[in-house]
Amino acid sequence: MPEAEKRREQILAELSRQRMVRVTDLSARFGISEVSVRRDLERLEKLGLLKRVHGGAVAMPSSAAGQGYQTRLQQRARQKERIGLVAAALVHPGERVIFDSGTTVLHVARHLPGHLLMDGNLTVITGSLPVVRELGPWKGVDLILLGGIYLPEYDVVVGPQTIDNLRGLNADKLFLGADGLTFSHGITTSNLLEAEVDQAMVRAAREVIVVADSSKIGVIGLTSIMPLTEINTLITDSDAPADFVARLREGGVNVILA
């Protein structure tokens, strides 16, 4: 992980504990200039993760809702961005696309090309509030927002209503995130309610495209979504273990390294 990215994660962690950080303290802690600290704070403010004040920064008043999501969004951001760019190129005009709630999935939404957003006649199905905010305003997108119980930590809706909303829907593609990827346990996630919704999304989609950075490979989450070899495509970064990639390709899965 680049040093600046690691430092910004530590700043956010400190902010979550103290609710306020000071430029002078951060400069001394990291051994960098106050100018560099201010650049970090400016970058994080642009991402909506904090608010700069005189001498430092404070946590956003509404950061309790989605704070965990925003922190995860910052982790391995460069890899997620590359994955999102490659994945977005797989979307074609007129398609019906499901986006789940993963942070890497949000990068796919963020990298959809302008011609699709303006005149792509896309149908987007999601329960992810960040995806709604990203794609909802565009005239080339018809957005179906799933209902359900709101989980602030994940900024998503889940539950029986969400699953019921997915029944009868038919999508061309599903972009699915993951907390873990193993041959023994398949695609796994840390939240039981999200897993149930993800399974319903899998049933509704003709093609399942998993987007996950290589740090998820070999990790086993709390509950399984589906077997690894039943997905159509995995898009991950170039740090993915070669033996894992080779075995997956031998099983008929299309693996793209971003």
C-alpha atoms as a PDB file:
ATOM      1  CA  MET A   1       0.000   0.000   0.000  1.00  0.00           C
ATOM      2  CA  PRO A   2       1.422   3.463  -0.873  1.00  0.00           C
ATOM      3  CA  GLU A   3       2.683   5.374   2.172  1.00  0.00           C
ATOM      4  CA  ALA A   4       0.270   8.293   1.674  1.00  0.00           C
ATOM      5  CA  GLU A   5      -2.727   5.954   1.443  1.00  0.00           C
ATOM      6  CA  LYS A   6      -1.654   4.112   4.589  1.00  0.00           C
ATOM      7  CA  ARG A   7      -1.179   7.408   6.413  1.00  0.00           C
ATOM      8  CA  ARG A   8      -4.663   8.619   5.445  1.00  0.00           C
ATOM      9  CA  GLU A   9      -6.194   5.397   6.773  1.00  0.00           C
ATOM     10  CA  GLN A  10      -4.419   6.019  10.085  1.00  0.00           C
ATOM     11  CA  ILE A  11      -5.711   9.584  10.162  1.00  0.00           C
ATOM     12  CA  LEU A  12      -9.277   8.302   9.703  1.00  0.00           C
ATOM     13  CA  ALA A  13      -8.762   5.714  12.440  1.00  0.00           C
ATOM     14  CA  GLU A  14      -7.538   8.428  14.804  1.00  0.00           C
ATOM     15  CA  LEU A  15     -10.476  10.628  13.863  1.00  0.00           C
ATOM     16  CA  SER A  16     -12.949   7.846  14.622  1.00  0.00           C
ATOM     17  CA  ARG A  17     -11.485   7.580  18.141  1.00  0.00           C
ATOM     18  CA  GLN A  18     -10.930  11.234  19.002  1.00  0.00           C
ATOM     19  CA  ARG A  19     -13.459  13.007  16.715  1.00  0.00           C
ATOM     20  CA  MET A  20     -10.793  15.676  16.070  1.00  0.00           C
ATOM     21  CA  VAL A  21      -7.193  15.713  14.837  1.00  0.00           C
ATOM     22  CA  ARG A  22      -4.646  18.540  14.796  1.00  0.00           C
ATOM     23  CA  VAL A  23      -2.177  19.298  12.017  1.00  0.00           C
ATOM     24  CA  THR A  24       0.721  19.786  14.443  1.00  0.00           C
ATOM     25  CA  ASP A  25       0.070  16.445  16.167  1.00  0.00           C
ATOM     26  CA  LEU A  26      -0.178  14.551  12.874  1.00  0.00           C
ATOM     27  CA  SER A  27       2.968  16.215  11.571  1.00  0.00           C
ATOM     28  CA  ALA A  28       4.919  15.069  14.623  1.00  0.00           C
ATOM     29  CA  ARG A  29       3.390  11.587  14.604  1.00  0.00           C
ATOM     30  CA  PHE A  30       4.169  10.817  10.948  1.00  0.00           C
ATOM     31  CA  GLY A  31       7.366  12.845  10.674  1.00  0.00           C
ATOM     32  CA  ILE A  32       6.121  14.871   7.717  1.00  0.00           C
ATOM     33  CA  SER A  33       5.600  18.574   7.110  1.00  0.00           C
ATOM     34  CA  GLU A  34       2.422  20.358   8.106  1.00  0.00           C
ATOM     35  CA  VAL A  35       1.922  21.158   4.415  1.00  0.00           C
ATOM     36  CA  SER A  36       1.803  17.415   3.643  1.00  0.00           C
ATOM     37  CA  VAL A  37      -0.674  16.850   6.476  1.00  0.00           C
ATOM     38  CA  ARG A  38      -2.934  19.591   5.106  1.00  0.00           C
ATOM     39  CA  ARG A  39      -2.813  17.923   1.684  1.00  0.00           C
ATOM     40  CA  ASP A  40      -3.934  14.654   3.281  1.00  0.00           C
ATOM     41  CA  LEU A  41      -6.785  16.397   5.087  1.00  0.00           C
ATOM     42  CA  GLU A  42      -7.812  18.213   1.907  1.00  0.00           C
ATOM     43  CA  ARG A  43      -7.900  14.902   0.017  1.00  0.00           C
ATOM     44  CA  LEU A  44     -10.005  13.234   2.722  1.00  0.00           C
ATOM     45  CA  GLU A  45     -12.368  16.203   2.872  1.00  0.00           C
ATOM     46  CA  LYS A  46     -12.967  15.954  -0.901  1.00  0.00           C
ATOM     47  CA  LEU A  47     -13.960  12.329  -0.340  1.00  0.00           C
ATOM     48  CA  GLY A  48     -16.484  13.437   2.299  1.00  0.00           C
ATOM     49  CA  LEU A  49     -14.657  11.653   5.118  1.00  0.00           C
ATOM     50  CA  LEU A  50     -13.964  14.653   7.361  1.00  0.00           C
ATOM     51  CA  LYS A  51     -14.351  18.418   7.666  1.00  0.00           C
ATOM     52  CA  ARG A  52     -11.315  20.656   7.884  1.00  0.00           C
ATOM     53  CA  VAL A  53     -11.271  23.315  10.618  1.00  0.00           C
ATOM     54  CA  HIS A  54      -8.636  25.812  11.748  1.00  0.00           C
ATOM     55  CA  GLY A  55      -5.606  23.822  12.865  1.00  0.00           C
ATOM     56  CA  GLY A  56      -6.937  20.388  11.954  1.00  0.00           C
ATOM     57  CA  ALA A  57     -10.073  18.445  11.097  1.00  0.00           C
ATOM     58  CA  VAL A  58     -13.190  17.010  12.720  1.00  0.00           C
ATOM     59  CA  ALA A  59     -15.359  13.994  11.973  1.00  0.00           C
ATOM     60  CA  MET A  60     -18.409  14.646   9.841  1.00  0.00           C
ATOM     61  CA  PRO A  61     -21.572  15.037  11.962  1.00  0.00           C
ATOM     62  CA  SER A  62     -23.293  12.312   9.976  1.00  0.00           C
ATOM     63  CA  SER A  63     -20.286  10.001   9.850  1.00  0.00           C
ATOM     64  CA  ALA A  64     -21.914   7.378  12.069  1.00  0.00           C
ATOM     65  CA  ALA A  65     -24.079   6.435   9.085  1.00  0.00           C
ATOM     66  CA  GLY A  66     -21.827   4.774   6.566  1.00  0.00           C
ATOM     67  CA  GLN A  67     -18.573   5.568   8.397  1.00  0.00           C
ATOM     68  CA  GLY A  68     -17.482   1.940   8.171  1.00  0.00           C
ATOM     69  CA  TYR A  69     -18.331   1.905   4.476  1.00  0.00           C
ATOM     70  CA  GLN A  70     -16.312   5.075   3.840  1.00  0.00           C
ATOM     71  CA  THR A  71     -13.321   3.648   5.693  1.00  0.00           C
ATOM     72  CA  ARG A  72     -13.462   0.448   3.635  1.00  0.00           C
ATOM     73  CA  LEU A  73     -13.773   2.516   0.472  1.00  0.00           C
ATOM     74  CA  GLN A  74     -10.376   4.057   1.222  1.00  0.00           C
ATOM     75  CA  GLN A  75      -8.648   0.710   1.720  1.00  0.00           C
ATOM     76  CA  ARG A  76      -6.634  -0.419  -1.341  1.00  0.00           C
ATOM     77  CA  ALA A  77      -8.324   2.392  -3.240  1.00  0.00           C
ATOM     78  CA  ARG A  78      -5.875   2.331  -6.135  1.00  0.00           C
ATOM     79  CA  GLN A  79      -6.477  -1.368  -6.838  1.00  0.00           C
ATOM     80  CA  LYS A  80     -10.244  -0.924  -6.546  1.00  0.00           C
ATOM     81  CA  GLU A  81     -10.123   1.967  -8.964  1.00  0.00           C
ATOM     82  CA  ARG A  82      -8.306  -0.117 -11.594  1.00  0.00           C
ATOM     83  CA  ILE A  83     -10.725  -3.002 -11.101  1.00  0.00           C
ATOM     84  CA  GLY A  84     -13.685  -0.648 -11.419  1.00  0.00           C
ATOM     85  CA  LEU A  85     -12.372   0.809 -14.654  1.00  0.00           C
ATOM     86  CA  VAL A  86     -11.913  -2.618 -16.246  1.00  0.00           C
ATOM     87  CA  ALA A  87     -15.281  -3.887 -15.007  1.00  0.00           C
ATOM     88  CA  ALA A  88     -17.196  -0.822 -16.208  1.00  0.00           C
ATOM     89  CA  ALA A  89     -15.999  -1.507 -19.759  1.00  0.00           C
ATOM     90  CA  LEU A  90     -18.028  -4.744 -19.710  1.00  0.00           C
ATOM     91  CA  VAL A  91     -21.341  -2.838 -19.521  1.00  0.00           C
ATOM     92  CA  HIS A  92     -23.131  -2.278 -22.829  1.00  0.00           C
ATOM     93  CA  PRO A  93     -26.037  -0.045 -23.896  1.00  0.00           C
ATOM     94  CA  GLY A  94     -29.484  -1.353 -23.081  1.00  0.00           C
ATOM     95  CA  GLU A  95     -28.338  -3.813 -20.429  1.00  0.00           C
ATOM     96  CA  ARG A  96     -29.981  -4.510 -17.089  1.00  0.00           C
ATOM     97  CA  VAL A  97     -27.306  -4.479 -14.400  1.00  0.00           C
ATOM     98  CA  ILE A  98     -27.425  -5.317 -10.684  1.00  0.00           C
ATOM     99  CA  PHE A  99     -24.938  -3.623  -8.369  1.00  0.00           C
ATOM    100  CA  ASP A 100     -24.463  -5.065  -4.914  1.00  0.00           C
ATOM    101  CA  SER A 101     -23.207  -3.063  -1.927  1.00  0.00           C
ATOM    102  CA  GLY A 102     -19.449  -3.662  -2.033  1.00  0.00           C
ATOM    103  CA  THR A 103     -16.992  -0.764  -2.107  1.00  0.00           C
ATOM    104  CA  THR A 104     -15.247  -2.183  -5.192  1.00  0.00           C
ATOM    105  CA  VAL A 105     -18.662  -2.383  -6.865  1.00  0.00           C
ATOM    106  CA  LEU A 106     -19.087   1.348  -6.253  1.00  0.00           C
ATOM    107  CA  HIS A 107     -15.904   1.925  -8.248  1.00  0.00           C
ATOM    108  CA  VAL A 108     -17.533   0.082 -11.164  1.00  0.00           C
ATOM    109  CA  ALA A 109     -20.470   2.485 -11.016  1.00  0.00           C
ATOM    110  CA  ARG A 110     -18.121   5.467 -10.800  1.00  0.00           C
ATOM    111  CA  HIS A 111     -16.264   4.413 -13.952  1.00  0.00           C
ATOM    112  CA  LEU A 112     -19.217   3.838 -16.266  1.00  0.00           C
ATOM    113  CA  PRO A 113     -18.413   5.847 -19.419  1.00  0.00           C
ATOM    114  CA  GLY A 114     -20.211   9.097 -20.094  1.00  0.00           C
ATOM    115  CA  HIS A 115     -22.027   7.900 -23.212  1.00  0.00           C
ATOM    116  CA  LEU A 116     -23.751   5.189 -21.154  1.00  0.00           C
ATOM    117  CA  LEU A 117     -24.685   7.620 -18.405  1.00  0.00           C
ATOM    118  CA  MET A 118     -26.103  10.113 -20.864  1.00  0.00           C
ATOM    119  CA  ASP A 119     -27.732   7.860 -23.441  1.00  0.00           C
ATOM    120  CA  GLY A 120     -27.095   4.229 -22.525  1.00  0.00           C
ATOM    121  CA  ASN A 121     -30.657   3.139 -21.786  1.00  0.00           C
ATOM    122  CA  LEU A 122     -29.293   1.208 -18.803  1.00  0.00           C
ATOM    123  CA  THR A 123     -31.481  -0.351 -16.146  1.00  0.00           C
ATOM    124  CA  VAL A 124     -29.673  -0.395 -12.802  1.00  0.00           C
ATOM    125  CA  ILE A 125     -30.989  -2.482  -9.902  1.00  0.00           C
ATOM    126  CA  THR A 126     -29.488  -1.917  -6.455  1.00  0.00           C
ATOM    127  CA  GLY A 127     -30.043  -1.586  -2.736  1.00  0.00           C
ATOM    128  CA  SER A 128     -26.781   0.313  -2.277  1.00  0.00           C
ATOM    129  CA  LEU A 129     -27.293   3.963  -1.367  1.00  0.00           C
ATOM    130  CA  PRO A 130     -23.823   5.019  -2.624  1.00  0.00           C
ATOM    131  CA  VAL A 131     -24.628   3.486  -6.027  1.00  0.00           C
ATOM    132  CA  VAL A 132     -27.969   5.296  -6.056  1.00  0.00           C
ATOM    133  CA  ARG A 133     -26.244   8.605  -5.356  1.00  0.00           C
ATOM    134  CA  GLU A 134     -23.675   7.882  -8.050  1.00  0.00           C
ATOM    135  CA  LEU A 135     -25.984   6.787 -10.873  1.00  0.00           C
ATOM    136  CA  GLY A 136     -29.441   8.070  -9.984  1.00  0.00           C
ATOM    137  CA  PRO A 137     -29.092  11.586 -11.475  1.00  0.00           C
ATOM    138  CA  TRP A 138     -28.056  10.434 -14.966  1.00  0.00           C
ATOM    139  CA  LYS A 139     -30.668  10.516 -17.728  1.00  0.00           C
ATOM    140  CA  GLY A 140     -29.274   7.404 -19.419  1.00  0.00           C
ATOM    141  CA  VAL A 141     -29.961   5.307 -16.308  1.00  0.00           C
ATOM    142  CA  ASP A 142     -33.332   3.910 -15.220  1.00  0.00           C
ATOM    143  CA  LEU A 143     -32.775   3.054 -11.573  1.00  0.00           C
ATOM    144  CA  ILE A 144     -34.718   0.465  -9.596  1.00  0.00           C
ATOM    145  CA  LEU A 145     -34.127   1.030  -5.882  1.00  0.00           C
ATOM    146  CA  LEU A 146     -34.753  -2.062  -3.768  1.00  0.00           C
ATOM    147  CA  GLY A 147     -36.597  -1.593  -0.494  1.00  0.00           C
ATOM    148  CA  GLY A 148     -35.770  -3.103   2.863  1.00  0.00           C
ATOM    149  CA  ILE A 149     -34.149  -2.555   6.254  1.00  0.00           C
ATOM    150  CA  TYR A 150     -31.386   0.052   6.226  1.00  0.00           C
ATOM    151  CA  LEU A 151     -27.965  -0.949   7.573  1.00  0.00           C
ATOM    152  CA  PRO A 152     -26.003   2.269   8.322  1.00  0.00           C
ATOM    153  CA  GLU A 153     -22.653   0.459   8.618  1.00  0.00           C
ATOM    154  CA  TYR A 154     -22.956  -0.780   5.024  1.00  0.00           C
ATOM    155  CA  ASP A 155     -25.177   2.005   3.608  1.00  0.00           C
ATOM    156  CA  VAL A 156     -27.461  -0.634   2.071  1.00  0.00           C
ATOM    157  CA  VAL A 157     -30.926  -2.131   2.446  1.00  0.00           C
ATOM    158  CA  VAL A 158     -31.412  -5.819   3.238  1.00  0.00           C
ATOM    159  CA  GLY A 159     -34.017  -8.262   4.491  1.00  0.00           C
ATOM    160  CA  PRO A 160     -37.129 -10.090   3.262  1.00  0.00           C
ATOM    161  CA  GLN A 161     -38.512  -7.059   1.410  1.00  0.00           C
ATOM    162  CA  THR A 162     -35.264  -6.651  -0.516  1.00  0.00           C
ATOM    163  CA  ILE A 163     -35.293 -10.308  -1.529  1.00  0.00           C
ATOM    164  CA  ASP A 164     -38.973 -10.091  -2.473  1.00  0.00           C
ATOM    165  CA  ASN A 165     -38.241  -7.060  -4.681  1.00  0.00           C
ATOM    166  CA  LEU A 166     -35.700  -9.133  -6.615  1.00  0.00           C
ATOM    167  CA  ARG A 167     -38.153 -11.936  -7.400  1.00  0.00           C
ATOM    168  CA  GLY A 168     -39.301 -11.805 -10.996  1.00  0.00           C
ATOM    169  CA  LEU A 169     -36.478  -9.484 -12.082  1.00  0.00           C
ATOM    170  CA  ASN A 170     -34.119 -10.602 -14.833  1.00  0.00           C
ATOM    171  CA  ALA A 171     -30.739  -8.913 -15.237  1.00  0.00           C
ATOM    172  CA  ASP A 172     -27.966  -9.333 -17.765  1.00  0.00           C
ATOM    173  CA  LYS A 173     -25.114  -8.820 -15.307  1.00  0.00           C
ATOM    174  CA  LEU A 174     -24.472  -8.728 -11.576  1.00  0.00           C
ATOM    175  CA  PHE A 175     -21.415  -6.967 -10.167  1.00  0.00           C
ATOM    176  CA  LEU A 176     -20.762  -8.729  -6.876  1.00  0.00           C
ATOM    177  CA  GLY A 177     -18.251  -7.800  -4.189  1.00  0.00           C
ATOM    178  CA  ALA A 178     -16.743 -10.211  -1.676  1.00  0.00           C
ATOM    179  CA  ASP A 179     -15.025 -10.303   1.698  1.00  0.00           C
ATOM    180  CA  GLY A 180     -13.336 -13.622   0.928  1.00  0.00           C
ATOM    181  CA  LEU A 181     -12.492 -15.907  -2.005  1.00  0.00           C
ATOM    182  CA  THR A 182     -11.507 -19.537  -1.461  1.00  0.00           C
ATOM    183  CA  PHE A 183     -12.096 -22.805  -3.286  1.00  0.00           C
ATOM    184  CA  SER A 184     -13.217 -24.448  -0.049  1.00  0.00           C
ATOM    185  CA  HIS A 185     -15.893 -21.887   0.911  1.00  0.00           C
ATOM    186  CA  GLY A 186     -16.440 -19.985  -2.334  1.00  0.00           C
ATOM    187  CA  ILE A 187     -17.489 -16.331  -2.339  1.00  0.00           C
ATOM    188  CA  THR A 188     -18.004 -15.241   1.253  1.00  0.00           C
ATOM    189  CA  THR A 189     -19.139 -12.141   3.108  1.00  0.00           C
ATOM    190  CA  SER A 190     -19.146 -10.989   6.735  1.00  0.00           C
ATOM    191  CA  ASN A 191     -22.853 -10.162   6.988  1.00  0.00           C
ATOM    192  CA  LEU A 192     -25.607 -12.785   6.986  1.00  0.00           C
ATOM    193  CA  LEU A 193     -28.339 -10.405   5.821  1.00  0.00           C
ATOM    194  CA  GLU A 194     -26.231  -9.166   2.920  1.00  0.00           C
ATOM    195  CA  ALA A 195     -25.423 -12.751   1.934  1.00  0.00           C
ATOM    196  CA  GLU A 196     -29.128 -13.578   1.608  1.00  0.00           C
ATOM    197  CA  VAL A 197     -29.675 -10.574  -0.660  1.00  0.00           C
ATOM    198  CA  ASP A 198     -26.566 -11.410  -2.693  1.00  0.00           C
ATOM    199  CA  GLN A 199     -27.869 -14.940  -3.260  1.00  0.00           C
ATOM    200  CA  ALA A 200     -31.159 -13.503  -4.548  1.00  0.00           C
ATOM    201  CA  MET A 201     -29.183 -11.205  -6.856  1.00  0.00           C
ATOM    202  CA  VAL A 202     -27.257 -14.200  -8.203  1.00  0.00           C
ATOM    203  CA  ARG A 203     -30.541 -15.945  -9.013  1.00  0.00           C
ATOM    204  CA  ALA A 204     -31.773 -12.868 -10.878  1.00  0.00           C
ATOM    205  CA  ALA A 205     -28.681 -12.420 -13.055  1.00  0.00           C
ATOM    206  CA  ARG A 206     -27.601 -14.213 -16.219  1.00  0.00           C
ATOM    207  CA  GLU A 207     -23.924 -13.404 -15.639  1.00  0.00           C
ATOM    208  CA  VAL A 208     -22.114 -13.022 -12.293  1.00  0.00           C
ATOM    209  CA  ILE A 209     -19.016 -10.816 -12.315  1.00  0.00           C
ATOM    210  CA  VAL A 210     -17.105 -10.740  -9.023  1.00  0.00           C
ATOM    211  CA  VAL A 211     -14.959  -7.656  -8.406  1.00  0.00           C
ATOM    212  CA  ALA A 212     -12.514  -8.044  -5.524  1.00  0.00           C
ATOM    213  CA  ASP A 213      -8.938  -6.994  -4.883  1.00  0.00           C
ATOM    214  CA  SER A 214      -6.311  -9.671  -4.266  1.00  0.00           C
ATOM    215  CA  SER A 215      -6.272  -9.157  -0.481  1.00  0.00           C
ATOM    216  CA  LYS A 216      -9.587 -11.065  -0.376  1.00  0.00           C
ATOM    217  CA  ILE A 217      -8.060 -14.209  -1.909  1.00  0.00           C
ATOM    218  CA  GLY A 218      -7.561 -16.910   0.721  1.00  0.00           C
ATOM    219  CA  VAL A 219      -9.845 -15.150   3.208  1.00  0.00           C
ATOM    220  CA  ILE A 220     -12.967 -16.907   4.522  1.00  0.00           C
ATOM    221  CA  GLY A 221     -15.852 -14.641   5.532  1.00  0.00           C
ATOM    222  CA  LEU A 222     -18.635 -15.491   7.959  1.00  0.00           C
ATOM    223  CA  THR A 223     -21.052 -16.952   5.410  1.00  0.00           C
ATOM    224  CA  SER A 224     -20.945 -18.246   1.844  1.00  0.00           C
ATOM    225  CA  ILE A 225     -22.758 -16.711  -1.114  1.00  0.00           C
ATOM    226  CA  MET A 226     -21.918 -19.184  -3.892  1.00  0.00           C
ATOM    227  CA  PRO A 227     -19.181 -21.585  -5.051  1.00  0.00           C
ATOM    228  CA  LEU A 228     -16.180 -19.894  -6.608  1.00  0.00           C
ATOM    229  CA  THR A 229     -16.298 -21.990  -9.765  1.00  0.00           C
ATOM    230  CA  GLU A 230     -19.915 -21.034 -10.495  1.00  0.00           C
ATOM    231  CA  ILE A 231     -19.147 -17.367 -11.174  1.00  0.00           C
ATOM    232  CA  ASN A 232     -18.616 -16.260 -14.772  1.00  0.00           C
ATOM    233  CA  THR A 233     -15.845 -13.696 -14.308  1.00  0.00           C
ATOM    234  CA  LEU A 234     -13.457 -12.552 -11.587  1.00  0.00           C
ATOM    235  CA  ILE A 235     -11.811  -9.151 -11.932  1.00  0.00           C
ATOM    236  CA  THR A 236      -8.975  -8.645  -9.468  1.00  0.00           C
ATOM    237  CA  ASP A 237      -5.590  -6.938  -9.378  1.00  0.00           C
ATOM    238  CA  SER A 238      -2.242  -8.185 -10.648  1.00  0.00           C
ATOM    239  CA  ASP A 239      -1.073  -9.211  -7.159  1.00  0.00           C
ATOM    240  CA  ALA A 240      -3.423 -12.214  -7.243  1.00  0.00           C
ATOM    241  CA  PRO A 241      -1.528 -15.498  -6.619  1.00  0.00           C
ATOM    242  CA  ALA A 242      -0.659 -17.170  -9.946  1.00  0.00           C
ATOM    243  CA  ASP A 243      -1.695 -20.647  -8.777  1.00  0.00           C
ATOM    244  CA  PHE A 244      -5.102 -19.373  -7.657  1.00  0.00           C
ATOM    245  CA  VAL A 245      -5.670 -17.642 -11.010  1.00  0.00           C
ATOM    246  CA  ALA A 246      -4.547 -20.713 -12.972  1.00  0.00           C
ATOM    247  CA  ARG A 247      -6.813 -23.070 -11.019  1.00  0.00           C
ATOM    248  CA  LEU A 248      -9.795 -20.781 -11.447  1.00  0.00           C
ATOM    249  CA  ARG A 249      -9.216 -20.497 -15.185  1.00  0.00           C
ATOM    250  CA  GLU A 250      -8.920 -24.275 -15.421  1.00  0.00           C
ATOM    251  CA  GLY A 251     -12.367 -24.427 -13.810  1.00  0.00           C
ATOM    252  CA  GLY A 252     -13.809 -22.349 -16.666  1.00  0.00           C
ATOM    253  CA  VAL A 253     -13.923 -18.960 -14.934  1.00  0.00           C
ATOM    254  CA  ASN A 254     -12.795 -15.909 -16.874  1.00  0.00           C
ATOM    255  CA  VAL A 255     -10.158 -14.132 -14.766  1.00  0.00           C
ATOM    256  CA  ILE A 256      -9.168 -10.560 -15.638  1.00  0.00           C
ATOM    257  CA  LEU A 257      -6.190  -8.930 -13.899  1.00  0.00           C
ATOM    258  CA  ALA A 258      -6.502  -5.154 -13.659  1.00  0.00           C
END
